Every structure is written in C-alpha cells, then in structure tokens.
Amino acid sequence: MGGAAAIVSKSAAAPIERVKLLLQNQGEMIKRGQLKRPYMGIRDCFKRVLREEGYFKGLFGCSKEKDGYIKWFAANVASGSAAGATTSLFLYHLDYARTRLGTDARECPINGQHQFRGLYDVYRKTLSSDGISGLYRGFGVSIMGISLYRGMYFGIYDTMKPIILVGSFEGNFFASFLLGWSITTVSGVCAYPFDTLRRRMMLTSGNPVKYRNSMHAFHEIIRLEGFRALYRGATANMLVGVAGAGVLAGYDQLHRIAVRYGYVLEPHQNTMK
C-alpha cells in the first residue's frame, strides 16, 4: 500500500515538480538556448508549458529526432493512456449511471416498471445497496481498457500523422478523417472486451450475485456465452468511432489555423510565428 500511495502521490505532483524544475533552472536554459525568455512566475510557467506541449505530453515529452522513434512512439502512447485514465477517474460514476439507465429496457421491466426513474434514482439506489464502491464497480478493468484505447487512439494517430499526412494529404480534412477513423476502429476493437467486462460488472451493482473481479467476469462470460460475447455490439461501436475520427480531424484543422495565426508553437520551432 505504501508503494502504491507513493506512485499516486508522485504522479499527482509530477506537473508541479516539472514547473519547479523549469523555474529553478531557467537561467541555465536561457544560456543554452532552450528557453526564449524567463518565466514570470508559476502561472506563466504552467500556461506556457500547456500551450507549447500539452499536459500529458509535458510529462512524457520526447522528440523523435533526439530520443529515437521507439521512445517517441512510447511517449505518445503513454501520454494518451494517462489522459484517458485521468478522465475515467473523474467521470466513471457518470458512465455507470448512463449504463444503468441505458440498459433499463422496456421489454422486461422489473415488477411491471423500470428499475430506475432517472439519474438521481440510480445514485440513490446504488449508494443505498452497495455504497460508493457500487458506482465504481469494474473501475480496474476500465482503467486497463481506457489506457489501451486512448494510448492507441492518440499515440498511433500522433505517430502516423507526420508519416501519412504529407504531400497532397497534408491539411486534407478527408484524409485526416479517414486516418482517424481507421485508428479509432482498430483501437476500439482491441479495447472492446475490456469495455464489455466493465459494463457487465456495472450491471451487478444492487444485485445479490456479483462478479468477484474482472477475471471472474471474463471466465463466466466465456463459459456461459462463448468468446464472441465479449465482442457483441462492436460493429455499432465502429459507427460511434465516426465521431471520434471527426474530433481528431477537426482538432488538426483548428491546430493548423492556430499555428497560422501564431497562437501555438510548431513542434520543430523555438519561436512564435
């Protein structure tokens, strides 16, 4: 437990630690040409790091030219995984509520009525029967799944973009969209069994019979329904991926506009446009 607590505390403090190092060593960095101008304080340092590198890429910042392709690719995957895991940590209970409401089907209502009357009722009944842990059932396997998905989603896209979207494809929204949708589809298929496991575990909250853990859920689903059960709904999930691809392509277009007008720094530049 002490080791886990140390990992969590170190990870949480990593952004502050980096700001401390930047402020502490900015004089030397200016001498070496690594910094254009001094930081005006903690707020200015945070603002400039986020603008130029992004939050998680600041934690896993690597350059393809300096660190090599493998390390650069691993850093892209790690930053995407960290972003996805952090999002899941804060929003998991809402995803749980959405899953319970979305699966409260009309075909077979319990005692002649829906199990839940609304969002508040989901929270009330879950907390009453299972406590706070009921809202986070399946969270462990969710972190594994979201880390895999987001790591591939952002990591592979950031890696493949400068390789594929060049020449006539550079700045082409349709080409960017197709690349994004392909990666979204592959990432979604790879991570889909994790999503199935976590949602199956969510549905046991409030019930007397629960899966002991994600491995127990995995074995029971395979035993009773077969391996294909882990991928039911994957085709529909590919259609949902169209929205994710649109987000990636749209972000690229907005980023190009921002670079053109000098609001962000190009990765290979040291000065603003």
Protein backbone atom coordinates (compact mmCIF):
# COMPACT_ATOMS: atom_id res chain seq x y z
CA MET A 1 0.00 0.00 0.00
CA GLY A 2 2.85 2.35 0.80
CA GLY A 3 4.34 1.81 -2.65
CA ALA A 4 1.01 2.42 -4.35
CA ALA A 5 0.48 5.59 -2.34
CA ALA A 6 3.95 6.79 -3.32
CA ILE A 7 3.22 6.16 -7.01
CA VAL A 8 -0.08 8.05 -6.82
CA SER A 9 1.42 10.98 -4.93
CA LYS A 10 4.42 11.21 -7.27
CA SER A 11 2.18 11.08 -10.35
CA ALA A 12 -0.14 13.75 -8.96
CA ALA A 13 2.79 16.01 -8.08
CA ALA A 14 4.65 15.48 -11.38
CA PRO A 15 3.31 18.64 -13.10
CA ILE A 16 4.22 20.80 -10.09
CA GLU A 17 7.63 19.14 -9.89
CA ARG A 18 8.27 19.93 -13.55
CA VAL A 19 7.27 23.58 -13.07
CA LYS A 20 9.65 23.74 -10.11
CA LEU A 21 12.49 22.36 -12.23
CA LEU A 22 11.77 24.80 -15.06
CA LEU A 23 11.68 27.80 -12.72
CA GLN A 24 14.75 26.57 -10.85
CA ASN A 25 16.87 26.08 -13.98
CA GLN A 26 15.52 28.70 -16.36
CA GLY A 27 18.70 30.78 -16.14
CA GLU A 28 20.82 27.91 -17.43
CA MET A 29 18.18 27.03 -20.04
CA ILE A 30 18.26 30.58 -21.42
CA LYS A 31 22.07 30.41 -21.67
CA ARG A 32 21.84 27.18 -23.67
CA GLY A 33 19.11 28.47 -25.97
CA GLN A 34 16.45 26.09 -24.62
CA LEU A 35 14.21 28.91 -23.42
CA LYS A 36 13.31 32.08 -25.27
CA ARG A 37 12.53 34.28 -22.26
CA PRO A 38 12.30 33.92 -18.45
CA TYR A 39 9.12 32.68 -16.82
CA MET A 40 7.21 35.41 -14.99
CA GLY A 41 6.11 33.05 -12.21
CA ILE A 42 4.32 29.77 -11.57
CA ARG A 43 1.20 30.76 -13.51
CA ASP A 44 3.17 31.88 -16.55
CA CYS A 45 5.23 28.68 -16.47
CA PHE A 46 2.11 26.47 -16.36
CA LYS A 47 0.49 28.48 -19.14
CA ARG A 48 3.48 28.29 -21.47
CA VAL A 49 4.12 24.58 -20.89
CA LEU A 50 0.46 23.70 -21.55
CA ARG A 51 0.37 25.90 -24.65
CA GLU A 52 3.55 24.50 -26.16
CA GLU A 53 3.43 20.86 -25.09
CA GLY A 54 0.07 19.97 -23.57
CA TYR A 55 -0.42 18.49 -20.10
CA PHE A 56 0.41 14.83 -20.56
CA LYS A 57 2.88 15.32 -23.38
CA GLY A 58 4.74 17.52 -20.91
CA LEU A 59 5.02 14.53 -18.58
CA PHE A 60 6.12 12.15 -21.35
CA GLY A 61 7.78 14.66 -23.65
CA CYS A 62 10.10 13.01 -26.17
CA SER A 63 11.48 14.09 -29.51
CA LYS A 64 11.74 11.69 -32.45
CA GLU A 65 14.98 13.34 -33.57
CA LYS A 66 16.58 13.39 -30.10
CA ASP A 67 15.21 10.23 -28.45
CA GLY A 68 14.57 7.93 -31.41
CA TYR A 69 11.38 6.57 -32.97
CA ILE A 70 10.65 3.84 -30.38
CA LYS A 71 10.90 6.13 -27.37
CA TRP A 72 8.94 8.85 -29.16
CA PHE A 73 6.16 6.39 -30.05
CA ALA A 74 6.08 5.00 -26.48
CA ALA A 75 5.78 8.55 -25.10
CA ASN A 76 2.83 9.26 -27.41
CA VAL A 77 1.08 6.08 -26.24
CA ALA A 78 1.86 6.83 -22.57
CA SER A 79 0.51 10.40 -22.75
CA GLY A 80 -2.68 9.18 -24.42
CA SER A 81 -3.11 6.46 -21.78
CA ALA A 82 -2.58 8.90 -18.92
CA ALA A 83 -5.13 11.32 -20.35
CA GLY A 84 -7.71 8.56 -20.76
CA ALA A 85 -7.16 7.10 -17.29
CA THR A 86 -7.45 10.52 -15.64
CA THR A 87 -10.70 11.25 -17.47
CA SER A 88 -12.11 7.88 -16.40
CA LEU A 89 -11.16 8.51 -12.77
CA PHE A 90 -13.35 11.62 -12.53
CA LEU A 91 -16.22 10.61 -14.83
CA TYR A 92 -16.64 6.88 -14.17
CA HIS A 93 -19.67 7.25 -11.88
CA LEU A 94 -21.49 9.19 -14.62
CA ASP A 95 -20.67 6.46 -17.13
CA TYR A 96 -22.01 3.93 -14.63
CA ALA A 97 -25.28 5.85 -14.31
CA ARG A 98 -25.57 6.16 -18.09
CA THR A 99 -25.04 2.41 -18.48
CA ARG A 100 -27.70 1.55 -15.89
CA LEU A 101 -30.24 3.90 -17.44
CA GLY A 102 -29.38 2.78 -20.97
CA THR A 103 -29.88 -0.90 -20.11
CA ASP A 104 -33.10 -0.35 -18.14
CA ALA A 105 -35.05 -1.87 -21.05
CA ARG A 106 -38.82 -1.73 -21.57
CA GLU A 107 -39.06 -5.34 -22.77
CA CYS A 108 -38.74 -6.93 -19.34
CA PRO A 109 -39.35 -4.35 -16.61
CA ILE A 110 -38.87 -5.42 -13.01
CA ASN A 111 -42.20 -5.75 -11.14
CA GLY A 112 -44.02 -4.15 -14.07
CA GLN A 113 -41.94 -0.97 -14.13
CA HIS A 114 -38.48 0.37 -14.92
CA GLN A 115 -35.81 -0.24 -12.32
CA PHE A 116 -34.77 3.43 -12.26
CA ARG A 117 -36.81 6.61 -12.60
CA GLY A 118 -33.86 8.81 -13.52
CA LEU A 119 -30.27 9.81 -12.79
CA TYR A 120 -30.88 10.69 -9.15
CA ASP A 121 -32.65 7.36 -8.59
CA VAL A 122 -29.62 5.46 -9.96
CA TYR A 123 -27.32 7.15 -7.47
CA ARG A 124 -29.78 6.77 -4.58
CA LYS A 125 -30.41 3.06 -5.07
CA THR A 126 -26.78 2.19 -5.80
CA LEU A 127 -25.44 4.06 -2.77
CA SER A 128 -28.14 2.51 -0.59
CA SER A 129 -27.37 -1.08 -1.64
CA ASP A 130 -23.64 -1.06 -2.41
CA GLY A 131 -22.21 2.19 -1.14
CA ILE A 132 -19.72 4.28 -3.10
CA SER A 133 -18.00 1.13 -4.38
CA GLY A 134 -21.15 0.31 -6.35
CA LEU A 135 -20.62 3.39 -8.51
CA TYR A 136 -17.08 2.24 -9.33
CA ARG A 137 -17.65 -1.48 -9.94
CA GLY A 138 -15.47 -2.53 -12.87
CA PHE A 139 -13.22 0.51 -12.48
CA GLY A 140 -9.99 -1.52 -12.51
CA VAL A 141 -10.67 -3.22 -15.84
CA SER A 142 -11.98 0.10 -17.13
CA ILE A 143 -8.61 1.73 -16.50
CA MET A 144 -6.89 -1.06 -18.42
CA GLY A 145 -9.30 -0.71 -21.31
CA ILE A 146 -9.29 3.08 -21.49
CA SER A 147 -5.50 3.16 -21.21
CA LEU A 148 -5.20 0.72 -24.12
CA TYR A 149 -7.81 2.57 -26.19
CA ARG A 150 -6.59 6.11 -25.56
CA GLY A 151 -2.96 5.06 -25.82
CA MET A 152 -3.59 3.65 -29.29
CA TYR A 153 -6.07 6.39 -30.22
CA PHE A 154 -3.75 9.31 -29.52
CA GLY A 155 -0.38 7.56 -29.64
CA ILE A 156 -0.76 5.90 -33.03
CA TYR A 157 -2.50 8.91 -34.54
CA ASP A 158 0.22 11.32 -33.40
CA THR A 159 2.82 8.87 -34.69
CA MET A 160 1.23 8.06 -38.06
CA LYS A 161 0.09 11.61 -38.86
CA PRO A 162 3.54 13.00 -39.82
CA ILE A 163 4.21 9.83 -41.83
CA ILE A 164 0.94 9.57 -43.79
CA LEU A 165 -0.50 13.08 -43.88
CA VAL A 166 2.26 14.58 -46.02
CA GLY A 167 2.42 15.99 -49.52
CA SER A 168 -1.02 16.29 -51.11
CA PHE A 169 -2.62 14.78 -47.97
CA GLU A 170 -1.24 17.47 -45.65
CA GLY A 171 -4.07 19.64 -44.35
CA ASN A 172 -6.65 17.48 -46.13
CA PHE A 173 -9.65 17.06 -43.80
CA PHE A 174 -10.94 13.94 -45.56
CA ALA A 175 -7.54 12.18 -45.39
CA SER A 176 -7.19 13.16 -41.73
CA PHE A 177 -10.71 11.87 -41.05
CA LEU A 178 -10.05 8.50 -42.73
CA LEU A 179 -6.81 8.06 -40.79
CA GLY A 180 -8.59 8.98 -37.55
CA TRP A 181 -11.49 6.61 -38.22
CA SER A 182 -9.16 3.73 -39.09
CA ILE A 183 -7.21 4.19 -35.86
CA THR A 184 -10.40 4.69 -33.83
CA THR A 185 -11.80 1.44 -35.24
CA VAL A 186 -8.64 -0.58 -34.57
CA SER A 187 -8.29 0.88 -31.06
CA GLY A 188 -11.95 0.25 -30.29
CA VAL A 189 -11.82 -3.39 -31.41
CA CYS A 190 -8.68 -4.07 -29.35
CA ALA A 191 -10.15 -2.49 -26.20
CA TYR A 192 -13.74 -3.70 -26.67
CA PRO A 193 -13.53 -6.83 -24.43
CA PHE A 194 -12.44 -4.58 -21.53
CA ASP A 195 -15.48 -2.38 -22.15
CA THR A 196 -17.77 -5.42 -22.15
CA LEU A 197 -16.31 -6.67 -18.88
CA ARG A 198 -16.66 -3.35 -17.08
CA ARG A 199 -20.24 -2.83 -18.21
CA ARG A 200 -21.22 -6.37 -17.22
CA MET A 201 -19.71 -5.70 -13.79
CA MET A 202 -21.59 -2.38 -13.56
CA LEU A 203 -24.90 -4.19 -14.05
CA THR A 204 -24.32 -6.37 -10.97
CA SER A 205 -24.44 -3.40 -8.58
CA GLY A 206 -27.53 -3.75 -6.41
CA ASN A 207 -27.83 -7.47 -7.18
CA PRO A 208 -27.09 -10.25 -4.67
CA VAL A 209 -24.86 -12.15 -7.14
CA LYS A 210 -21.81 -10.22 -8.32
CA TYR A 211 -18.61 -10.99 -10.18
CA ARG A 212 -15.73 -11.24 -7.72
CA ASN A 213 -13.37 -9.40 -10.06
CA SER A 214 -12.71 -8.82 -13.75
CA MET A 215 -11.07 -12.24 -14.22
CA HIS A 216 -14.11 -13.93 -12.70
CA ALA A 217 -16.37 -11.95 -15.03
CA PHE A 218 -14.18 -12.92 -18.00
CA HIS A 219 -14.30 -16.65 -17.18
CA GLU A 220 -18.05 -16.63 -16.51
CA ILE A 221 -18.89 -14.83 -19.76
CA ILE A 222 -16.66 -17.17 -21.78
CA ARG A 223 -18.08 -20.25 -20.02
CA LEU A 224 -21.75 -19.32 -20.38
CA GLU A 225 -21.85 -17.30 -23.61
CA GLY A 226 -18.66 -18.01 -25.52
CA PHE A 227 -15.79 -15.76 -26.58
CA ARG A 228 -17.90 -13.90 -29.16
CA ALA A 229 -19.97 -12.43 -26.33
CA LEU A 230 -17.06 -10.12 -25.50
CA TYR A 231 -17.42 -8.51 -28.94
CA ARG A 232 -21.20 -8.15 -29.17
CA GLY A 233 -22.00 -4.60 -30.23
CA ALA A 234 -18.52 -3.98 -31.66
CA THR A 235 -19.96 -3.11 -35.09
CA ALA A 236 -22.18 -0.43 -33.58
CA ASN A 237 -19.13 0.84 -31.72
CA MET A 238 -17.35 1.31 -35.06
CA LEU A 239 -20.12 3.69 -36.11
CA VAL A 240 -19.67 5.61 -32.86
CA GLY A 241 -16.00 5.90 -33.85
CA VAL A 242 -17.01 8.23 -36.68
CA ALA A 243 -17.49 10.96 -34.07
CA GLY A 244 -14.05 10.26 -32.58
CA ALA A 245 -12.47 10.47 -36.02
CA GLY A 246 -14.24 13.78 -36.61
CA VAL A 247 -12.82 15.13 -33.36
CA LEU A 248 -9.26 14.18 -34.36
CA ALA A 249 -9.61 15.64 -37.86
CA GLY A 250 -11.33 18.78 -36.54
CA TYR A 251 -8.61 19.27 -33.93
CA ASP A 252 -5.96 19.07 -36.65
CA GLN A 253 -7.72 21.76 -38.69
CA LEU A 254 -8.08 24.05 -35.67
CA HIS A 255 -4.43 23.46 -34.77
CA ARG A 256 -3.32 24.44 -38.28
CA ILE A 257 -5.36 27.65 -38.04
CA ALA A 258 -3.89 28.41 -34.60
CA VAL A 259 -0.34 27.87 -35.91
CA ARG A 260 -1.03 30.06 -38.93
CA TYR A 261 -2.05 32.96 -36.70
CA GLY A 262 0.72 32.40 -34.15
CA TYR A 263 -1.34 31.18 -31.18
CA VAL A 264 0.63 27.96 -30.69
CA LEU A 265 4.20 26.86 -31.25
CA GLU A 266 5.13 24.45 -34.04
CA PRO A 267 6.81 21.31 -32.62
CA HIS A 268 10.05 21.99 -34.53
CA GLN A 269 10.23 25.70 -33.78
CA ASN A 270 11.61 27.68 -30.86
CA THR A 271 9.97 30.99 -31.67
CA MET A 272 6.41 32.07 -32.21
CA LYS A 273 5.21 32.85 -35.69
